[in-house]
Amino acid sequence: MRITGGALRGRTVECPPGVIRPAMDRMRESLFAILGDLEGKSFLDLFSGSGICALEAASRGADPVYLVEKDQGKVKTIFKNVSIAPKRIECKFMSVELFLKRSKQQFDIIYLDPPFPYKFHAGLIEMTGDLSVLKPGGLAIMHRPSEREMPEIIGNLERIDQRVYGRSIVDFYRKKEIESPEMINPCDN
């Protein structure tokens, strides 16, 4: 697999052993072109696999970058892959759901790429919006099979874009901004 842009463009990364469905180069390149400049943005890569999407984000200036992968068989390969990053990538080896429940960190962008047989896409993305892991105005991006439908609005997330790549779909959800008390007009009551 090859990094498609940024400071690490053209560098290759290893594919770890075990079950993996790496994001296609074309899809990754398109995704990161849509996101644009990531300088100063925080990025969370869930179901990381090889760490390629975390590396794509770091290559384009995102900081901090975290990745989460449950499969302990991928640890060695992930550490080798992220060693080329221009800045440290925080690696967490646990279930995505547990990480989301425990995280004190907030992110501008959360990329979710669960295995295609995973059955809880909508619930998982709703969790990213309901917990304080995704910043207000932040993006939650879900890579899913086309057979698995996703609603336009999930909790406090609203789909703002959708892209189709063969039998894969990438949904872009934005977390609603929270109104501060001084922004609420008392005459509205």
N, C-alpha and C. Protein backbone atom coordinates (compact mmCIF):
# COMPACT_ATOMS: atom_id res chain seq x y z
N MET A 1 0.85 -1.18 0.00
CA MET A 1 0.00 0.00 0.00
C MET A 1 0.89 1.23 0.00
N ARG A 2 0.44 2.25 -0.69
CA ARG A 2 1.23 3.45 -0.88
C ARG A 2 0.49 4.67 -0.34
N ILE A 3 1.19 5.56 0.35
CA ILE A 3 0.61 6.81 0.84
C ILE A 3 0.42 7.73 -0.36
N THR A 4 -0.77 8.32 -0.47
CA THR A 4 -1.15 9.02 -1.70
C THR A 4 -0.88 10.51 -1.72
N GLY A 5 -0.51 11.12 -0.58
CA GLY A 5 -0.28 12.56 -0.61
C GLY A 5 0.44 13.08 0.62
N GLY A 6 0.82 14.34 0.57
CA GLY A 6 1.47 14.99 1.70
C GLY A 6 2.96 14.70 1.76
N ALA A 7 3.53 14.93 2.92
CA ALA A 7 4.98 14.80 3.13
C ALA A 7 5.48 13.37 2.90
N LEU A 8 4.63 12.38 3.10
CA LEU A 8 5.03 10.97 2.95
C LEU A 8 4.58 10.37 1.61
N ARG A 9 4.11 11.20 0.71
CA ARG A 9 3.58 10.71 -0.57
C ARG A 9 4.56 9.74 -1.24
N GLY A 10 4.00 8.60 -1.67
CA GLY A 10 4.79 7.59 -2.37
C GLY A 10 5.43 6.55 -1.47
N ARG A 11 5.50 6.81 -0.16
CA ARG A 11 6.07 5.83 0.76
C ARG A 11 5.12 4.64 0.87
N THR A 12 5.68 3.45 1.00
CA THR A 12 4.86 2.26 1.12
C THR A 12 4.78 1.81 2.57
N VAL A 13 3.68 1.14 2.89
CA VAL A 13 3.50 0.57 4.21
C VAL A 13 3.15 -0.90 4.06
N GLU A 14 3.46 -1.66 5.10
CA GLU A 14 3.19 -3.10 5.08
C GLU A 14 1.74 -3.38 5.43
N CYS A 15 1.25 -4.47 4.88
CA CYS A 15 -0.08 -4.97 5.22
C CYS A 15 0.10 -5.99 6.35
N PRO A 16 -0.58 -5.81 7.48
CA PRO A 16 -0.39 -6.73 8.59
C PRO A 16 -1.04 -8.09 8.32
N PRO A 17 -0.64 -9.11 9.08
CA PRO A 17 -1.25 -10.42 8.91
C PRO A 17 -2.70 -10.40 9.42
N GLY A 18 -3.45 -11.39 9.02
CA GLY A 18 -4.83 -11.52 9.51
C GLY A 18 -5.81 -10.89 8.55
N VAL A 19 -7.03 -10.78 9.01
CA VAL A 19 -8.11 -10.24 8.19
C VAL A 19 -7.93 -8.74 8.06
N ILE A 20 -7.89 -8.26 6.83
CA ILE A 20 -7.75 -6.82 6.58
C ILE A 20 -8.36 -6.49 5.24
N ARG A 21 -8.98 -5.34 5.17
CA ARG A 21 -9.55 -4.83 3.94
C ARG A 21 -9.05 -3.38 3.82
N PRO A 22 -7.83 -3.20 3.33
CA PRO A 22 -7.29 -1.83 3.31
C PRO A 22 -8.09 -0.93 2.38
N ALA A 23 -8.24 0.32 2.79
CA ALA A 23 -8.93 1.30 1.95
C ALA A 23 -8.17 1.43 0.62
N MET A 24 -8.92 1.35 -0.46
CA MET A 24 -8.31 1.44 -1.79
C MET A 24 -7.57 2.77 -1.95
N ASP A 25 -6.45 2.74 -2.67
CA ASP A 25 -5.67 3.96 -2.91
C ASP A 25 -6.54 5.07 -3.49
N ARG A 26 -7.35 4.74 -4.48
CA ARG A 26 -8.19 5.74 -5.15
C ARG A 26 -9.18 6.36 -4.17
N MET A 27 -9.80 5.51 -3.36
CA MET A 27 -10.77 6.00 -2.38
C MET A 27 -10.07 6.87 -1.33
N ARG A 28 -8.92 6.41 -0.83
CA ARG A 28 -8.18 7.19 0.16
C ARG A 28 -7.75 8.54 -0.41
N GLU A 29 -7.21 8.53 -1.62
CA GLU A 29 -6.77 9.77 -2.24
C GLU A 29 -7.93 10.74 -2.40
N SER A 30 -9.08 10.23 -2.83
CA SER A 30 -10.28 11.06 -2.97
C SER A 30 -10.74 11.60 -1.62
N LEU A 31 -10.80 10.73 -0.62
CA LEU A 31 -11.22 11.13 0.73
C LEU A 31 -10.37 12.27 1.26
N PHE A 32 -9.05 12.14 1.14
CA PHE A 32 -8.17 13.17 1.69
C PHE A 32 -8.16 14.43 0.82
N ALA A 33 -8.46 14.31 -0.47
CA ALA A 33 -8.61 15.51 -1.31
C ALA A 33 -9.85 16.29 -0.86
N ILE A 34 -10.92 15.58 -0.50
CA ILE A 34 -12.14 16.22 -0.01
C ILE A 34 -11.85 16.94 1.31
N LEU A 35 -11.08 16.30 2.19
CA LEU A 35 -10.77 16.91 3.49
C LEU A 35 -9.85 18.11 3.36
N GLY A 36 -9.01 18.12 2.35
CA GLY A 36 -8.12 19.26 2.13
C GLY A 36 -7.00 19.34 3.14
N ASP A 37 -6.57 20.55 3.42
CA ASP A 37 -5.45 20.79 4.33
C ASP A 37 -5.84 20.37 5.75
N LEU A 38 -5.06 19.51 6.35
CA LEU A 38 -5.35 19.04 7.70
C LEU A 38 -4.45 19.67 8.76
N GLU A 39 -3.66 20.66 8.36
CA GLU A 39 -2.76 21.34 9.30
C GLU A 39 -3.57 21.86 10.49
N GLY A 40 -3.17 21.46 11.70
CA GLY A 40 -3.83 21.93 12.91
C GLY A 40 -5.10 21.16 13.26
N LYS A 41 -5.46 20.15 12.50
CA LYS A 41 -6.66 19.34 12.78
C LYS A 41 -6.25 18.06 13.50
N SER A 42 -7.10 17.62 14.40
CA SER A 42 -6.88 16.34 15.07
C SER A 42 -7.64 15.26 14.32
N PHE A 43 -7.07 14.04 14.30
CA PHE A 43 -7.60 12.96 13.46
C PHE A 43 -7.57 11.65 14.24
N LEU A 44 -8.69 10.92 14.20
CA LEU A 44 -8.81 9.62 14.84
C LEU A 44 -9.17 8.59 13.78
N ASP A 45 -8.35 7.55 13.67
CA ASP A 45 -8.54 6.46 12.71
C ASP A 45 -9.00 5.23 13.50
N LEU A 46 -10.29 4.86 13.34
CA LEU A 46 -10.85 3.72 14.06
C LEU A 46 -10.90 2.49 13.16
N PHE A 47 -10.61 1.33 13.71
CA PHE A 47 -10.46 0.08 12.95
C PHE A 47 -9.30 0.27 11.98
N SER A 48 -8.17 0.62 12.51
CA SER A 48 -7.05 1.11 11.72
C SER A 48 -6.39 0.11 10.78
N GLY A 49 -6.39 -1.16 11.14
CA GLY A 49 -5.78 -2.17 10.26
C GLY A 49 -4.28 -2.00 10.17
N SER A 50 -3.81 -1.41 9.08
CA SER A 50 -2.38 -1.19 8.85
C SER A 50 -1.89 0.16 9.37
N GLY A 51 -2.82 1.08 9.65
CA GLY A 51 -2.46 2.43 10.05
C GLY A 51 -2.36 3.38 8.86
N ILE A 52 -2.72 2.93 7.66
CA ILE A 52 -2.53 3.74 6.45
C ILE A 52 -3.32 5.06 6.50
N CYS A 53 -4.55 5.05 7.01
CA CYS A 53 -5.32 6.31 7.03
C CYS A 53 -4.77 7.29 8.07
N ALA A 54 -4.30 6.77 9.19
CA ALA A 54 -3.63 7.64 10.17
C ALA A 54 -2.38 8.25 9.55
N LEU A 55 -1.64 7.47 8.80
CA LEU A 55 -0.44 7.98 8.12
C LEU A 55 -0.80 9.00 7.05
N GLU A 56 -1.87 8.77 6.30
CA GLU A 56 -2.32 9.75 5.30
C GLU A 56 -2.63 11.08 5.99
N ALA A 57 -3.31 11.03 7.13
CA ALA A 57 -3.66 12.25 7.86
C ALA A 57 -2.40 12.95 8.37
N ALA A 58 -1.50 12.20 8.98
CA ALA A 58 -0.25 12.78 9.50
C ALA A 58 0.58 13.36 8.36
N SER A 59 0.60 12.68 7.23
CA SER A 59 1.35 13.14 6.06
C SER A 59 0.85 14.49 5.57
N ARG A 60 -0.43 14.76 5.80
CA ARG A 60 -1.06 16.01 5.36
C ARG A 60 -1.16 17.05 6.48
N GLY A 61 -0.45 16.83 7.58
CA GLY A 61 -0.33 17.85 8.61
C GLY A 61 -1.21 17.69 9.83
N ALA A 62 -2.09 16.68 9.88
CA ALA A 62 -2.94 16.51 11.05
C ALA A 62 -2.09 16.23 12.29
N ASP A 63 -2.51 16.79 13.42
CA ASP A 63 -1.79 16.60 14.68
C ASP A 63 -2.69 17.08 15.81
N PRO A 64 -2.97 16.26 16.82
CA PRO A 64 -2.50 14.90 16.99
C PRO A 64 -3.28 13.92 16.11
N VAL A 65 -2.66 12.77 15.89
CA VAL A 65 -3.29 11.67 15.16
C VAL A 65 -3.27 10.45 16.07
N TYR A 66 -4.45 9.83 16.21
CA TYR A 66 -4.58 8.60 16.99
C TYR A 66 -5.10 7.52 16.05
N LEU A 67 -4.71 6.28 16.35
CA LEU A 67 -5.32 5.14 15.67
C LEU A 67 -5.73 4.12 16.71
N VAL A 68 -6.80 3.39 16.40
CA VAL A 68 -7.31 2.36 17.29
C VAL A 68 -7.49 1.08 16.50
N GLU A 69 -6.91 -0.01 17.01
CA GLU A 69 -7.03 -1.33 16.38
C GLU A 69 -7.10 -2.37 17.49
N LYS A 70 -8.06 -3.28 17.39
CA LYS A 70 -8.25 -4.30 18.42
C LYS A 70 -7.37 -5.53 18.20
N ASP A 71 -7.07 -5.86 16.95
CA ASP A 71 -6.35 -7.10 16.62
C ASP A 71 -4.88 -7.00 17.05
N GLN A 72 -4.53 -7.74 18.10
CA GLN A 72 -3.17 -7.71 18.64
C GLN A 72 -2.14 -8.25 17.64
N GLY A 73 -2.59 -9.04 16.66
CA GLY A 73 -1.69 -9.56 15.64
C GLY A 73 -1.17 -8.49 14.70
N LYS A 74 -1.77 -7.31 14.73
CA LYS A 74 -1.36 -6.22 13.84
C LYS A 74 -0.41 -5.22 14.52
N VAL A 75 -0.17 -5.39 15.80
CA VAL A 75 0.62 -4.43 16.59
C VAL A 75 2.00 -4.18 15.97
N LYS A 76 2.75 -5.24 15.74
CA LYS A 76 4.13 -5.10 15.24
C LYS A 76 4.16 -4.35 13.91
N THR A 77 3.27 -4.72 12.99
CA THR A 77 3.23 -4.06 11.67
C THR A 77 2.81 -2.60 11.79
N ILE A 78 1.82 -2.33 12.63
CA ILE A 78 1.37 -0.95 12.82
C ILE A 78 2.52 -0.09 13.35
N PHE A 79 3.22 -0.57 14.38
CA PHE A 79 4.33 0.21 14.93
C PHE A 79 5.41 0.46 13.87
N LYS A 80 5.70 -0.54 13.05
CA LYS A 80 6.68 -0.36 11.99
C LYS A 80 6.18 0.69 10.99
N ASN A 81 4.91 0.60 10.60
CA ASN A 81 4.35 1.54 9.62
C ASN A 81 4.35 2.98 10.15
N VAL A 82 3.89 3.19 11.37
CA VAL A 82 3.79 4.57 11.88
C VAL A 82 5.14 5.17 12.24
N SER A 83 6.18 4.35 12.25
CA SER A 83 7.51 4.89 12.57
C SER A 83 8.00 5.89 11.52
N ILE A 84 7.40 5.89 10.33
CA ILE A 84 7.80 6.84 9.28
C ILE A 84 7.07 8.18 9.38
N ALA A 85 6.10 8.28 10.28
CA ALA A 85 5.29 9.50 10.40
C ALA A 85 6.15 10.70 10.79
N PRO A 86 5.83 11.89 10.26
CA PRO A 86 6.60 13.09 10.61
C PRO A 86 6.43 13.50 12.07
N LYS A 87 5.29 13.14 12.68
CA LYS A 87 5.04 13.38 14.11
C LYS A 87 4.48 12.10 14.70
N ARG A 88 4.58 11.99 16.00
CA ARG A 88 4.11 10.78 16.69
C ARG A 88 2.63 10.51 16.42
N ILE A 89 2.30 9.26 16.12
CA ILE A 89 0.92 8.79 16.02
C ILE A 89 0.66 7.95 17.26
N GLU A 90 -0.36 8.33 18.03
CA GLU A 90 -0.74 7.59 19.23
C GLU A 90 -1.47 6.32 18.81
N CYS A 91 -1.00 5.16 19.26
CA CYS A 91 -1.60 3.88 18.90
C CYS A 91 -2.27 3.28 20.13
N LYS A 92 -3.54 2.95 19.99
CA LYS A 92 -4.31 2.33 21.07
C LYS A 92 -4.81 0.97 20.58
N PHE A 93 -4.49 -0.07 21.31
CA PHE A 93 -4.87 -1.42 20.92
C PHE A 93 -5.96 -1.93 21.85
N MET A 94 -7.20 -1.68 21.44
CA MET A 94 -8.39 -2.03 22.21
C MET A 94 -9.58 -1.97 21.28
N SER A 95 -10.74 -2.36 21.77
CA SER A 95 -11.94 -2.25 20.93
C SER A 95 -12.26 -0.76 20.72
N VAL A 96 -12.79 -0.48 19.56
CA VAL A 96 -13.17 0.89 19.21
C VAL A 96 -14.22 1.42 20.20
N GLU A 97 -15.19 0.58 20.52
CA GLU A 97 -16.26 1.01 21.43
C GLU A 97 -15.69 1.39 22.79
N LEU A 98 -14.77 0.60 23.30
CA LEU A 98 -14.14 0.91 24.59
C LEU A 98 -13.34 2.20 24.51
N PHE A 99 -12.59 2.38 23.43
CA PHE A 99 -11.82 3.61 23.28
C PHE A 99 -12.75 4.83 23.29
N LEU A 100 -13.85 4.76 22.53
CA LEU A 100 -14.78 5.89 22.46
C LEU A 100 -15.38 6.21 23.83
N LYS A 101 -15.68 5.20 24.62
CA LYS A 101 -16.25 5.42 25.95
C LYS A 101 -15.25 6.03 26.92
N ARG A 102 -13.97 5.66 26.77
CA ARG A 102 -12.94 6.10 27.73
C ARG A 102 -12.18 7.35 27.33
N SER A 103 -12.20 7.72 26.07
CA SER A 103 -11.34 8.80 25.58
C SER A 103 -11.70 10.15 26.20
N LYS A 104 -10.67 10.85 26.61
CA LYS A 104 -10.81 12.23 27.09
C LYS A 104 -10.43 13.21 25.98
N GLN A 105 -9.83 12.69 24.91
CA GLN A 105 -9.38 13.49 23.77
C GLN A 105 -10.58 13.80 22.86
N GLN A 106 -10.59 14.98 22.26
CA GLN A 106 -11.60 15.35 21.26
C GLN A 106 -10.91 15.49 19.91
N PHE A 107 -11.65 15.17 18.86
CA PHE A 107 -11.09 15.17 17.51
C PHE A 107 -11.93 16.00 16.55
N ASP A 108 -11.23 16.61 15.59
CA ASP A 108 -11.89 17.34 14.51
C ASP A 108 -12.47 16.37 13.49
N ILE A 109 -11.75 15.28 13.24
CA ILE A 109 -12.15 14.30 12.23
C ILE A 109 -12.00 12.90 12.82
N ILE A 110 -13.06 12.10 12.68
CA ILE A 110 -13.02 10.70 13.08
C ILE A 110 -13.35 9.87 11.83
N TYR A 111 -12.43 8.98 11.47
CA TYR A 111 -12.62 8.09 10.32
C TYR A 111 -12.90 6.69 10.84
N LEU A 112 -14.06 6.14 10.45
CA LEU A 112 -14.48 4.81 10.89
C LEU A 112 -14.50 3.88 9.69
N ASP A 113 -13.74 2.80 9.79
CA ASP A 113 -13.66 1.83 8.70
C ASP A 113 -13.81 0.42 9.25
N PRO A 114 -15.01 0.11 9.82
CA PRO A 114 -15.19 -1.23 10.40
C PRO A 114 -15.19 -2.31 9.33
N PRO A 115 -14.93 -3.55 9.73
CA PRO A 115 -15.02 -4.65 8.77
C PRO A 115 -16.42 -4.66 8.14
N PHE A 116 -16.52 -5.02 6.88
CA PHE A 116 -17.82 -4.99 6.21
C PHE A 116 -18.88 -5.86 6.89
N PRO A 117 -18.54 -7.00 7.51
CA PRO A 117 -19.59 -7.78 8.21
C PRO A 117 -20.09 -7.11 9.50
N TYR A 118 -19.41 -6.08 9.99
CA TYR A 118 -19.82 -5.37 11.21
C TYR A 118 -21.27 -4.90 11.04
N LYS A 119 -22.09 -5.08 12.07
CA LYS A 119 -23.52 -4.82 11.94
C LYS A 119 -24.00 -3.53 12.62
N PHE A 120 -23.10 -2.79 13.26
CA PHE A 120 -23.55 -1.68 14.09
C PHE A 120 -23.04 -0.32 13.59
N HIS A 121 -23.00 -0.13 12.27
CA HIS A 121 -22.48 1.10 11.68
C HIS A 121 -23.19 2.34 12.24
N ALA A 122 -24.54 2.36 12.19
CA ALA A 122 -25.29 3.54 12.63
C ALA A 122 -25.09 3.78 14.12
N GLY A 123 -25.13 2.73 14.94
CA GLY A 123 -24.94 2.89 16.37
C GLY A 123 -23.55 3.39 16.72
N LEU A 124 -22.57 2.90 15.99
CA LEU A 124 -21.19 3.32 16.25
C LEU A 124 -20.98 4.79 15.90
N ILE A 125 -21.49 5.21 14.75
CA ILE A 125 -21.29 6.61 14.37
C ILE A 125 -22.09 7.53 15.29
N GLU A 126 -23.26 7.05 15.76
CA GLU A 126 -24.04 7.84 16.71
C GLU A 126 -23.25 8.01 18.02
N MET A 127 -22.54 6.96 18.42
CA MET A 127 -21.71 7.03 19.63
C MET A 127 -20.65 8.12 19.51
N THR A 128 -20.05 8.27 18.32
CA THR A 128 -19.02 9.30 18.14
C THR A 128 -19.59 10.69 18.33
N GLY A 129 -20.87 10.87 17.96
CA GLY A 129 -21.50 12.18 18.12
C GLY A 129 -22.03 12.42 19.51
N ASP A 130 -22.53 11.37 20.16
CA ASP A 130 -23.12 11.53 21.49
C ASP A 130 -22.07 11.70 22.58
N LEU A 131 -20.97 10.99 22.47
CA LEU A 131 -19.90 11.16 23.43
C LEU A 131 -19.12 12.42 23.05
N SER A 132 -18.28 12.88 23.91
CA SER A 132 -17.56 14.14 23.63
C SER A 132 -16.28 13.92 22.82
N VAL A 133 -16.18 12.79 22.11
CA VAL A 133 -14.97 12.49 21.35
C VAL A 133 -14.87 13.34 20.09
N LEU A 134 -16.01 13.62 19.45
CA LEU A 134 -16.03 14.46 18.24
C LEU A 134 -16.36 15.90 18.64
N LYS A 135 -15.52 16.82 18.20
CA LYS A 135 -15.73 18.23 18.52
C LYS A 135 -17.00 18.74 17.83
N PRO A 136 -17.69 19.73 18.43
CA PRO A 136 -18.80 20.36 17.73
C PRO A 136 -18.31 20.92 16.39
N GLY A 137 -19.06 20.65 15.34
CA GLY A 137 -18.67 21.06 13.99
C GLY A 137 -17.72 20.08 13.33
N GLY A 138 -17.29 19.05 14.08
CA GLY A 138 -16.36 18.06 13.55
C GLY A 138 -17.01 17.09 12.58
N LEU A 139 -16.17 16.33 11.88
CA LEU A 139 -16.64 15.36 10.88
C LEU A 139 -16.43 13.93 11.38
N ALA A 140 -17.46 13.11 11.22
CA ALA A 140 -17.36 11.66 11.40
C ALA A 140 -17.56 11.06 10.02
N ILE A 141 -16.61 10.26 9.59
CA ILE A 141 -16.61 9.71 8.24
C ILE A 141 -16.69 8.19 8.34
N MET A 142 -17.73 7.61 7.71
CA MET A 142 -17.96 6.17 7.78
C MET A 142 -17.74 5.54 6.41
N HIS A 143 -16.84 4.55 6.34
CA HIS A 143 -16.64 3.74 5.14
C HIS A 143 -17.44 2.47 5.36
N ARG A 144 -18.37 2.16 4.44
CA ARG A 144 -19.28 1.03 4.64
C ARG A 144 -19.62 0.36 3.31
N PRO A 145 -20.18 -0.87 3.39
CA PRO A 145 -20.64 -1.52 2.17
C PRO A 145 -21.94 -0.88 1.70
N SER A 146 -22.17 -0.86 0.40
CA SER A 146 -23.37 -0.22 -0.14
C SER A 146 -24.66 -0.88 0.33
N GLU A 147 -24.60 -2.15 0.72
CA GLU A 147 -25.81 -2.84 1.19
C GLU A 147 -26.28 -2.35 2.55
N ARG A 148 -25.41 -1.73 3.31
CA ARG A 148 -25.76 -1.29 4.66
C ARG A 148 -26.20 0.17 4.59
N GLU A 149 -27.50 0.40 4.78
CA GLU A 149 -28.06 1.75 4.70
C GLU A 149 -27.71 2.57 5.95
N MET A 150 -27.59 3.88 5.75
CA MET A 150 -27.33 4.80 6.86
C MET A 150 -28.33 5.97 6.74
N PRO A 151 -28.91 6.40 7.86
CA PRO A 151 -29.85 7.53 7.82
C PRO A 151 -29.15 8.87 7.58
N GLU A 152 -29.93 9.86 7.16
CA GLU A 152 -29.41 11.21 6.93
C GLU A 152 -28.98 11.87 8.24
N ILE A 153 -29.77 11.64 9.29
CA ILE A 153 -29.47 12.23 10.61
C ILE A 153 -29.37 11.09 11.61
N ILE A 154 -28.29 11.10 12.37
CA ILE A 154 -28.07 10.10 13.42
C ILE A 154 -27.70 10.88 14.68
N GLY A 155 -28.61 10.90 15.66
CA GLY A 155 -28.35 11.66 16.89
C GLY A 155 -28.09 13.12 16.55
N ASN A 156 -26.94 13.64 16.96
CA ASN A 156 -26.63 15.04 16.67
C ASN A 156 -25.66 15.17 15.48
N LEU A 157 -25.68 14.17 14.60
CA LEU A 157 -24.88 14.18 13.37
C LEU A 157 -25.79 14.24 12.16
N GLU A 158 -25.40 15.05 11.18
CA GLU A 158 -26.16 15.15 9.94
C GLU A 158 -25.25 14.85 8.76
N ARG A 159 -25.72 13.97 7.86
CA ARG A 159 -24.92 13.65 6.68
C ARG A 159 -24.87 14.86 5.76
N ILE A 160 -23.65 15.27 5.41
CA ILE A 160 -23.46 16.43 4.54
C ILE A 160 -22.92 16.05 3.16
N ASP A 161 -22.45 14.81 3.03
CA ASP A 161 -21.91 14.35 1.74
C ASP A 161 -21.87 12.84 1.75
N GLN A 162 -21.84 12.27 0.55
CA GLN A 162 -21.74 10.82 0.39
C GLN A 162 -21.04 10.55 -0.93
N ARG A 163 -20.08 9.64 -0.92
CA ARG A 163 -19.34 9.28 -2.13
C ARG A 163 -19.41 7.77 -2.31
N VAL A 164 -19.52 7.33 -3.57
CA VAL A 164 -19.61 5.91 -3.90
C VAL A 164 -18.34 5.49 -4.62
N TYR A 165 -17.75 4.39 -4.15
CA TYR A 165 -16.53 3.81 -4.75
C TYR A 165 -16.80 2.31 -4.94
N GLY A 166 -17.31 1.93 -6.10
CA GLY A 166 -17.65 0.53 -6.33
C GLY A 166 -18.75 0.11 -5.37
N ARG A 167 -18.51 -0.96 -4.60
CA ARG A 167 -19.51 -1.39 -3.62
C ARG A 167 -19.29 -0.76 -2.25
N SER A 168 -18.41 0.21 -2.17
CA SER A 168 -18.15 0.95 -0.93
C SER A 168 -18.79 2.32 -0.99
N ILE A 169 -19.25 2.79 0.15
CA ILE A 169 -19.79 4.14 0.28
C ILE A 169 -19.07 4.82 1.44
N VAL A 170 -18.76 6.08 1.26
CA VAL A 170 -18.19 6.89 2.33
C VAL A 170 -19.18 8.00 2.65
N ASP A 171 -19.66 8.00 3.90
CA ASP A 171 -20.60 9.02 4.38
C ASP A 171 -19.85 10.02 5.24
N PHE A 172 -20.16 11.30 5.04
CA PHE A 172 -19.57 12.39 5.82
C PHE A 172 -20.67 12.99 6.69
N TYR A 173 -20.50 12.87 8.00
CA TYR A 173 -21.46 13.43 8.95
C TYR A 173 -20.80 14.57 9.73
N ARG A 174 -21.53 15.67 9.87
CA ARG A 174 -21.04 16.81 10.67
C ARG A 174 -21.80 16.85 11.98
N LYS A 175 -21.05 17.05 13.07
CA LYS A 175 -21.68 17.19 14.38
C LYS A 175 -22.22 18.60 14.51
N LYS A 176 -23.45 18.70 14.96
CA LYS A 176 -24.09 20.00 15.11
C LYS A 176 -23.32 20.84 16.13
N GLU A 177 -23.23 22.13 15.82
CA GLU A 177 -22.62 23.07 16.77
C GLU A 177 -23.57 23.23 17.94
N ILE A 178 -23.03 23.35 19.13
CA ILE A 178 -23.86 23.53 20.32
C ILE A 178 -24.02 25.02 20.57
N GLU A 179 -25.28 25.45 20.72
CA GLU A 179 -25.52 26.86 21.00
C GLU A 179 -25.11 27.18 22.43
N SER A 180 -24.39 28.26 22.58
CA SER A 180 -24.04 28.69 23.93
C SER A 180 -25.23 29.45 24.51
N PRO A 181 -25.37 29.50 25.85
CA PRO A 181 -26.52 30.15 26.47
C PRO A 181 -26.71 31.60 26.02
N GLU A 182 -25.62 32.33 25.77
CA GLU A 182 -25.76 33.73 25.36
C GLU A 182 -26.27 33.88 23.93
N MET A 183 -26.21 32.78 23.15
CA MET A 183 -26.69 32.83 21.77
C MET A 183 -28.20 32.56 21.69
N ILE A 184 -28.77 32.04 22.74
CA ILE A 184 -30.20 31.74 22.74
C ILE A 184 -30.97 33.02 23.04
N ASN A 185 -31.90 33.37 22.19
CA ASN A 185 -32.69 34.58 22.33
C ASN A 185 -33.79 34.35 23.37
N PRO A 186 -33.80 35.12 24.48
CA PRO A 186 -34.82 34.90 25.52
C PRO A 186 -36.22 35.20 25.01
N CYS A 187 -36.37 35.95 23.93
CA CYS A 187 -37.68 36.25 23.37
C CYS A 187 -38.28 35.07 22.65
N ASP A 188 -37.50 34.03 22.40
CA ASP A 188 -38.00 32.85 21.71
C ASP A 188 -38.90 31.99 22.58
N ASN A 189 -38.90 32.22 23.88
CA ASN A 189 -39.69 31.37 24.78
C ASN A 189 -41.13 31.72 24.79
